[in-house]
Structure formats: structure tokens, C-alpha cells
Amino acid sequence: HLQSATPYIIAVPIFIEGNEYGTLWLL
């Protein structure tokens, strides 16, 4: 959960086999 006023944000960083694949965001 990121600390911000608005928008409210949750992020999930995705790592596959030790490498960063990307990030999934919910707002």
C-alpha cells in the first residue's frame, strides 16, 4: 500500500526467476 492522498494505490512488484518482470497496480 502506497502512502498517498488520492488515488488510493496498491502495487504488487513481480519478480520471475530473480528478475524484475513488472508491477501490477490497483487504483
PDB file of all heavy atoms in Angstrom:
ATOM      1  N   HIS A   1       0.851  -1.191   0.000  1.00  0.00           N
ATOM      2  CA  HIS A   1       0.000   0.000   0.000  1.00  0.00           C
ATOM      3  C   HIS A   1       0.888   1.244   0.000  1.00  0.00           C
ATOM      4  O   HIS A   1       1.736   1.399   0.883  1.00  0.00           O
ATOM      5  CB  HIS A   1      -0.913   0.021   1.236  1.00  0.00           C
ATOM      6  CG  HIS A   1      -1.992  -1.018   1.198  1.00  0.00           C
ATOM      7  ND1 HIS A   1      -3.314  -0.708   0.986  1.00  0.00           N
ATOM      8  CD2 HIS A   1      -1.943  -2.365   1.337  1.00  0.00           C
ATOM      9  CE1 HIS A   1      -4.023  -1.820   1.006  1.00  0.00           C
ATOM     10  NE2 HIS A   1      -3.210  -2.838   1.225  1.00  0.00           N
ATOM     11  N   LEU A   2       0.692   2.116  -0.980  1.00  0.00           N
ATOM     12  CA  LEU A   2       1.463   3.352  -1.028  1.00  0.00           C
ATOM     13  C   LEU A   2       0.750   4.453  -0.259  1.00  0.00           C
ATOM     14  O   LEU A   2      -0.468   4.602  -0.347  1.00  0.00           O
ATOM     15  CB  LEU A   2       1.667   3.791  -2.485  1.00  0.00           C
ATOM     16  CG  LEU A   2       2.485   2.851  -3.375  1.00  0.00           C
ATOM     17  CD1 LEU A   2       2.774   3.519  -4.716  1.00  0.00           C
ATOM     18  CD2 LEU A   2       3.800   2.454  -2.718  1.00  0.00           C
ATOM     19  N   GLN A   3       1.544   5.234   0.455  1.00  0.00           N
ATOM     20  CA  GLN A   3       1.002   6.325   1.255  1.00  0.00           C
ATOM     21  C   GLN A   3       0.761   7.548   0.362  1.00  0.00           C
ATOM     22  O   GLN A   3       1.685   8.257   0.001  1.00  0.00           O
ATOM     23  CB  GLN A   3       1.967   6.696   2.387  1.00  0.00           C
ATOM     24  CG  GLN A   3       2.279   5.549   3.330  1.00  0.00           C
ATOM     25  CD  GLN A   3       1.046   5.078   4.078  1.00  0.00           C
ATOM     26  OE1 GLN A   3       0.197   5.877   4.458  1.00  0.00           O
ATOM     27  NE2 GLN A   3       0.942   3.767   4.270  1.00  0.00           N
ATOM     28  N   SER A   4      -0.469   7.741  -0.075  1.00  0.00           N
ATOM     29  CA  SER A   4      -0.807   8.921  -0.879  1.00  0.00           C
ATOM     30  C   SER A   4      -2.242   9.327  -0.577  1.00  0.00           C
ATOM     31  O   SER A   4      -3.058   8.523  -0.130  1.00  0.00           O
ATOM     32  CB  SER A   4      -0.664   8.616  -2.378  1.00  0.00           C
ATOM     33  OG  SER A   4      -1.578   7.617  -2.768  1.00  0.00           O
ATOM     34  N   ALA A   5      -2.538  10.594  -0.805  1.00  0.00           N
ATOM     35  CA  ALA A   5      -3.891  11.104  -0.543  1.00  0.00           C
ATOM     36  C   ALA A   5      -4.876  10.428  -1.496  1.00  0.00           C
ATOM     37  O   ALA A   5      -5.682   9.585  -1.097  1.00  0.00           O
ATOM     38  CB  ALA A   5      -3.930  12.614  -0.700  1.00  0.00           C
ATOM     39  N   THR A   6      -4.847  10.802  -2.723  1.00  0.00           N
ATOM     40  CA  THR A   6      -5.620  10.142  -3.776  1.00  0.00           C
ATOM     41  C   THR A   6      -4.806  10.177  -5.062  1.00  0.00           C
ATOM     42  O   THR A   6      -4.054  11.135  -5.283  1.00  0.00           O
ATOM     43  CB  THR A   6      -6.974  10.847  -4.020  1.00  0.00           C
ATOM     44  OG1 THR A   6      -6.741  12.224  -4.295  1.00  0.00           O
ATOM     45  CG2 THR A   6      -7.917  10.679  -2.864  1.00  0.00           C
ATOM     46  N   PRO A   7      -4.919   9.175  -5.892  1.00  0.00           N
ATOM     47  CA  PRO A   7      -5.761   7.992  -5.679  1.00  0.00           C
ATOM     48  C   PRO A   7      -5.146   7.046  -4.653  1.00  0.00           C
ATOM     49  O   PRO A   7      -3.947   7.118  -4.382  1.00  0.00           O
ATOM     50  CB  PRO A   7      -5.786   7.345  -7.072  1.00  0.00           C
ATOM     51  CG  PRO A   7      -4.468   7.733  -7.670  1.00  0.00           C
ATOM     52  CD  PRO A   7      -4.193   9.110  -7.173  1.00  0.00           C
ATOM     53  N   TYR A   8      -6.005   6.177  -4.083  1.00  0.00           N
ATOM     54  CA  TYR A   8      -5.511   5.113  -3.214  1.00  0.00           C
ATOM     55  C   TYR A   8      -4.851   4.057  -4.107  1.00  0.00           C
ATOM     56  O   TYR A   8      -5.420   3.645  -5.115  1.00  0.00           O
ATOM     57  CB  TYR A   8      -6.654   4.519  -2.400  1.00  0.00           C
ATOM     58  CG  TYR A   8      -7.331   5.535  -1.494  1.00  0.00           C
ATOM     59  CD1 TYR A   8      -8.560   6.080  -1.819  1.00  0.00           C
ATOM     60  CD2 TYR A   8      -6.701   5.947  -0.314  1.00  0.00           C
ATOM     61  CE1 TYR A   8      -9.175   7.018  -0.997  1.00  0.00           C
ATOM     62  CE2 TYR A   8      -7.306   6.888   0.512  1.00  0.00           C
ATOM     63  CZ  TYR A   8      -8.539   7.424   0.169  1.00  0.00           C
ATOM     64  OH  TYR A   8      -9.138   8.364   0.984  1.00  0.00           O
ATOM     65  N   ILE A   9      -3.651   3.620  -3.720  1.00  0.00           N
ATOM     66  CA  ILE A   9      -2.869   2.743  -4.600  1.00  0.00           C
ATOM     67  C   ILE A   9      -2.340   1.516  -3.848  1.00  0.00           C
ATOM     68  O   ILE A   9      -1.833   1.626  -2.736  1.00  0.00           O
ATOM     69  CB  ILE A   9      -1.659   3.501  -5.207  1.00  0.00           C
ATOM     70  CG1 ILE A   9      -2.135   4.723  -6.006  1.00  0.00           C
ATOM     71  CG2 ILE A   9      -0.833   2.580  -6.105  1.00  0.00           C
ATOM     72  CD1 ILE A   9      -1.000   5.590  -6.495  1.00  0.00           C
ATOM     73  N   ILE A  10      -2.495   0.362  -4.508  1.00  0.00           N
ATOM     74  CA  ILE A  10      -1.806  -0.864  -4.073  1.00  0.00           C
ATOM     75  C   ILE A  10      -0.983  -1.345  -5.263  1.00  0.00           C
ATOM     76  O   ILE A  10      -1.446  -1.333  -6.409  1.00  0.00           O
ATOM     77  CB  ILE A  10      -2.795  -1.980  -3.660  1.00  0.00           C
ATOM     78  CG1 ILE A  10      -3.760  -1.505  -2.585  1.00  0.00           C
ATOM     79  CG2 ILE A  10      -2.014  -3.203  -3.151  1.00  0.00           C
ATOM     80  CD1 ILE A  10      -4.766  -2.560  -2.179  1.00  0.00           C
ATOM     81  N   ALA A  11       0.235  -1.766  -4.996  1.00  0.00           N
ATOM     82  CA  ALA A  11       1.106  -2.262  -6.069  1.00  0.00           C
ATOM     83  C   ALA A  11       1.686  -3.621  -5.693  1.00  0.00           C
ATOM     84  O   ALA A  11       1.983  -3.876  -4.515  1.00  0.00           O
ATOM     85  CB  ALA A  11       2.236  -1.277  -6.337  1.00  0.00           C
ATOM     86  N   VAL A  12       1.842  -4.479  -6.692  1.00  0.00           N
ATOM     87  CA  VAL A  12       2.497  -5.779  -6.491  1.00  0.00           C
ATOM     88  C   VAL A  12       3.663  -5.887  -7.474  1.00  0.00           C
ATOM     89  O   VAL A  12       3.446  -6.107  -8.677  1.00  0.00           O
ATOM     90  CB  VAL A  12       1.529  -6.958  -6.710  1.00  0.00           C
ATOM     91  CG1 VAL A  12       2.295  -8.282  -6.625  1.00  0.00           C
ATOM     92  CG2 VAL A  12       0.420  -6.952  -5.677  1.00  0.00           C
ATOM     93  N   PRO A  13       4.900  -5.712  -7.010  1.00  0.00           N
ATOM     94  CA  PRO A  13       6.064  -5.942  -7.890  1.00  0.00           C
ATOM     95  C   PRO A  13       6.161  -7.442  -8.191  1.00  0.00           C
ATOM     96  O   PRO A  13       5.974  -8.270  -7.295  1.00  0.00           O
ATOM     97  CB  PRO A  13       7.249  -5.465  -7.055  1.00  0.00           C
ATOM     98  CG  PRO A  13       6.649  -4.690  -5.915  1.00  0.00           C
ATOM     99  CD  PRO A  13       5.298  -5.272  -5.680  1.00  0.00           C
ATOM    100  N   ILE A  14       6.459  -7.780  -9.441  1.00  0.00           N
ATOM    101  CA  ILE A  14       6.529  -9.185  -9.841  1.00  0.00           C
ATOM    102  C   ILE A  14       7.949  -9.513 -10.277  1.00  0.00           C
ATOM    103  O   ILE A  14       8.488  -8.882 -11.186  1.00  0.00           O
ATOM    104  CB  ILE A  14       5.543  -9.485 -10.985  1.00  0.00           C
ATOM    105  CG1 ILE A  14       4.102  -9.154 -10.543  1.00  0.00           C
ATOM    106  CG2 ILE A  14       5.638 -10.938 -11.414  1.00  0.00           C
ATOM    107  CD1 ILE A  14       3.089  -9.276 -11.665  1.00  0.00           C
ATOM    108  N   PHE A  15       8.536 -10.481  -9.596  1.00  0.00           N
ATOM    109  CA  PHE A  15       9.871 -10.962  -9.944  1.00  0.00           C
ATOM    110  C   PHE A  15       9.761 -12.415 -10.393  1.00  0.00           C
ATOM    111  O   PHE A  15       9.126 -13.230  -9.723  1.00  0.00           O
ATOM    112  CB  PHE A  15      10.820 -10.866  -8.744  1.00  0.00           C
ATOM    113  CG  PHE A  15      11.269  -9.461  -8.441  1.00  0.00           C
ATOM    114  CD1 PHE A  15      10.426  -8.573  -7.788  1.00  0.00           C
ATOM    115  CD2 PHE A  15      12.530  -9.042  -8.806  1.00  0.00           C
ATOM    116  CE1 PHE A  15      10.831  -7.283  -7.520  1.00  0.00           C
ATOM    117  CE2 PHE A  15      12.947  -7.747  -8.535  1.00  0.00           C
ATOM    118  CZ  PHE A  15      12.097  -6.857  -7.895  1.00  0.00           C
ATOM    119  N   ILE A  16      10.378 -12.729 -11.529  1.00  0.00           N
ATOM    120  CA  ILE A  16      10.369 -14.095 -12.050  1.00  0.00           C
ATOM    121  C   ILE A  16      11.801 -14.550 -12.232  1.00  0.00           C
ATOM    122  O   ILE A  16      12.597 -13.895 -12.912  1.00  0.00           O
ATOM    123  CB  ILE A  16       9.614 -14.184 -13.397  1.00  0.00           C
ATOM    124  CG1 ILE A  16       8.152 -13.738 -13.213  1.00  0.00           C
ATOM    125  CG2 ILE A  16       9.673 -15.601 -13.946  1.00  0.00           C
ATOM    126  CD1 ILE A  16       7.354 -13.738 -14.499  1.00  0.00           C
ATOM    127  N   GLU A  17      12.144 -15.670 -11.592  1.00  0.00           N
ATOM    128  CA  GLU A  17      13.492 -16.237 -11.665  1.00  0.00           C
ATOM    129  C   GLU A  17      14.559 -15.212 -11.296  1.00  0.00           C
ATOM    130  O   GLU A  17      15.618 -15.125 -11.908  1.00  0.00           O
ATOM    131  CB  GLU A  17      13.753 -16.816 -13.068  1.00  0.00           C
ATOM    132  CG  GLU A  17      12.822 -17.965 -13.399  1.00  0.00           C
ATOM    133  CD  GLU A  17      13.020 -18.518 -14.794  1.00  0.00           C
ATOM    134  OE1 GLU A  17      13.620 -17.812 -15.621  1.00  0.00           O
ATOM    135  OE2 GLU A  17      12.591 -19.649 -15.048  1.00  0.00           O
ATOM    136  N   GLY A  18      14.240 -14.400 -10.290  1.00  0.00           N
ATOM    137  CA  GLY A  18      15.194 -13.425  -9.794  1.00  0.00           C
ATOM    138  C   GLY A  18      15.259 -12.126 -10.565  1.00  0.00           C
ATOM    139  O   GLY A  18      15.975 -11.210 -10.181  1.00  0.00           O
ATOM    140  N   ASN A  19      14.486 -12.007 -11.654  1.00  0.00           N
ATOM    141  CA  ASN A  19      14.495 -10.798 -12.479  1.00  0.00           C
ATOM    142  C   ASN A  19      13.165 -10.071 -12.375  1.00  0.00           C
ATOM    143  O   ASN A  19      12.099 -10.701 -12.312  1.00  0.00           O
ATOM    144  CB  ASN A  19      14.776 -11.145 -13.947  1.00  0.00           C
ATOM    145  CG  ASN A  19      16.127 -11.809 -14.126  1.00  0.00           C
ATOM    146  OD1 ASN A  19      17.127 -11.338 -13.603  1.00  0.00           O
ATOM    147  ND2 ASN A  19      16.154 -12.910 -14.851  1.00  0.00           N
ATOM    148  N   GLU A  20      13.220  -8.731 -12.379  1.00  0.00           N
ATOM    149  CA  GLU A  20      12.001  -7.948 -12.291  1.00  0.00           C
ATOM    150  C   GLU A  20      11.217  -8.052 -13.599  1.00  0.00           C
ATOM    151  O   GLU A  20      11.736  -7.774 -14.676  1.00  0.00           O
ATOM    152  CB  GLU A  20      12.338  -6.484 -12.012  1.00  0.00           C
ATOM    153  CG  GLU A  20      11.094  -5.635 -11.737  1.00  0.00           C
ATOM    154  CD  GLU A  20      11.424  -4.213 -11.311  1.00  0.00           C
ATOM    155  OE1 GLU A  20      12.626  -3.908 -11.195  1.00  0.00           O
ATOM    156  OE2 GLU A  20      10.492  -3.430 -11.098  1.00  0.00           O
ATOM    157  N   TYR A  21       9.979  -8.490 -13.504  1.00  0.00           N
ATOM    158  CA  TYR A  21       9.116  -8.674 -14.674  1.00  0.00           C
ATOM    159  C   TYR A  21       8.233  -7.449 -14.899  1.00  0.00           C
ATOM    160  O   TYR A  21       7.983  -7.041 -16.029  1.00  0.00           O
ATOM    161  CB  TYR A  21       8.264  -9.927 -14.470  1.00  0.00           C
ATOM    162  CG  TYR A  21       7.210 -10.159 -15.520  1.00  0.00           C
ATOM    163  CD1 TYR A  21       7.561 -10.344 -16.856  1.00  0.00           C
ATOM    164  CD2 TYR A  21       5.858 -10.212 -15.179  1.00  0.00           C
ATOM    165  CE1 TYR A  21       6.588 -10.571 -17.827  1.00  0.00           C
ATOM    166  CE2 TYR A  21       4.880 -10.438 -16.141  1.00  0.00           C
ATOM    167  CZ  TYR A  21       5.256 -10.627 -17.462  1.00  0.00           C
ATOM    168  OH  TYR A  21       4.295 -10.836 -18.413  1.00  0.00           O
ATOM    169  N   GLY A  22       7.764  -6.836 -13.823  1.00  0.00           N
ATOM    170  CA  GLY A  22       6.897  -5.669 -13.938  1.00  0.00           C
ATOM    171  C   GLY A  22       6.141  -5.444 -12.636  1.00  0.00           C
ATOM    172  O   GLY A  22       6.421  -6.080 -11.614  1.00  0.00           O
ATOM    173  N   THR A  23       5.172  -4.548 -12.672  1.00  0.00           N
ATOM    174  CA  THR A  23       4.377  -4.227 -11.480  1.00  0.00           C
ATOM    175  C   THR A  23       2.899  -4.152 -11.854  1.00  0.00           C
ATOM    176  O   THR A  23       2.537  -3.560 -12.871  1.00  0.00           O
ATOM    177  CB  THR A  23       4.817  -2.883 -10.863  1.00  0.00           C
ATOM    178  OG1 THR A  23       6.214  -2.935 -10.556  1.00  0.00           O
ATOM    179  CG2 THR A  23       4.036  -2.584  -9.589  1.00  0.00           C
ATOM    180  N   LEU A  24       2.075  -4.765 -11.005  1.00  0.00           N
ATOM    181  CA  LEU A  24       0.622  -4.711 -11.165  1.00  0.00           C
ATOM    182  C   LEU A  24       0.079  -3.679 -10.177  1.00  0.00           C
ATOM    183  O   LEU A  24       0.360  -3.753  -8.976  1.00  0.00           O
ATOM    184  CB  LEU A  24       0.028  -6.098 -10.902  1.00  0.00           C
ATOM    185  CG  LEU A  24      -1.435  -6.329 -11.281  1.00  0.00           C
ATOM    186  CD1 LEU A  24      -1.660  -6.116 -12.781  1.00  0.00           C
ATOM    187  CD2 LEU A  24      -1.872  -7.735 -10.878  1.00  0.00           C
ATOM    188  N   TRP A  25      -0.701  -2.710 -10.709  1.00  0.00           N
ATOM    189  CA  TRP A  25      -1.191  -1.594  -9.884  1.00  0.00           C
ATOM    190  C   TRP A  25      -2.720  -1.642  -9.784  1.00  0.00           C
ATOM    191  O   TRP A  25      -3.404  -1.960 -10.743  1.00  0.00           O
ATOM    192  CB  TRP A  25      -0.811  -0.249 -10.496  1.00  0.00           C
ATOM    193  CG  TRP A  25       0.648  -0.040 -10.750  1.00  0.00           C
ATOM    194  CD1 TRP A  25       1.383  -0.512 -11.795  1.00  0.00           C
ATOM    195  CD2 TRP A  25       1.559   0.718  -9.945  1.00  0.00           C
ATOM    196  NE1 TRP A  25       2.686  -0.112 -11.707  1.00  0.00           N
ATOM    197  CE2 TRP A  25       2.826   0.662 -10.573  1.00  0.00           C
ATOM    198  CE3 TRP A  25       1.427   1.452  -8.762  1.00  0.00           C
ATOM    199  CZ2 TRP A  25       3.948   1.297 -10.052  1.00  0.00           C
ATOM    200  CZ3 TRP A  25       2.558   2.090  -8.252  1.00  0.00           C
ATOM    201  CH2 TRP A  25       3.789   2.015  -8.891  1.00  0.00           C
ATOM    202  N   LEU A  26      -3.216  -1.260  -8.587  1.00  0.00           N
ATOM    203  CA  LEU A  26      -4.665  -1.118  -8.364  1.00  0.00           C
ATOM    204  C   LEU A  26      -4.908   0.281  -7.807  1.00  0.00           C
ATOM    205  O   LEU A  26      -4.268   0.687  -6.836  1.00  0.00           O
ATOM    206  CB  LEU A  26      -5.140  -2.181  -7.363  1.00  0.00           C
ATOM    207  CG  LEU A  26      -6.653  -2.396  -7.248  1.00  0.00           C
ATOM    208  CD1 LEU A  26      -7.215  -2.971  -8.539  1.00  0.00           C
ATOM    209  CD2 LEU A  26      -6.960  -3.332  -6.084  1.00  0.00           C
ATOM    210  N   LEU A  27      -5.841   1.040  -8.446  1.00  0.00           N
ATOM    211  CA  LEU A  27      -6.072   2.431  -8.056  1.00  0.00           C
ATOM    212  C   LEU A  27      -7.565   2.723  -7.901  1.00  0.00           C
ATOM    213  O   LEU A  27      -8.386   2.194  -8.664  1.00  0.00           O
ATOM    214  CB  LEU A  27      -5.497   3.388  -9.109  1.00  0.00           C
ATOM    215  CG  LEU A  27      -4.028   3.246  -9.492  1.00  0.00           C
ATOM    216  CD1 LEU A  27      -3.868   2.329 -10.696  1.00  0.00           C
ATOM    217  CD2 LEU A  27      -3.439   4.600  -9.810  1.00  0.00           C
TER     218      LEU A  27
END
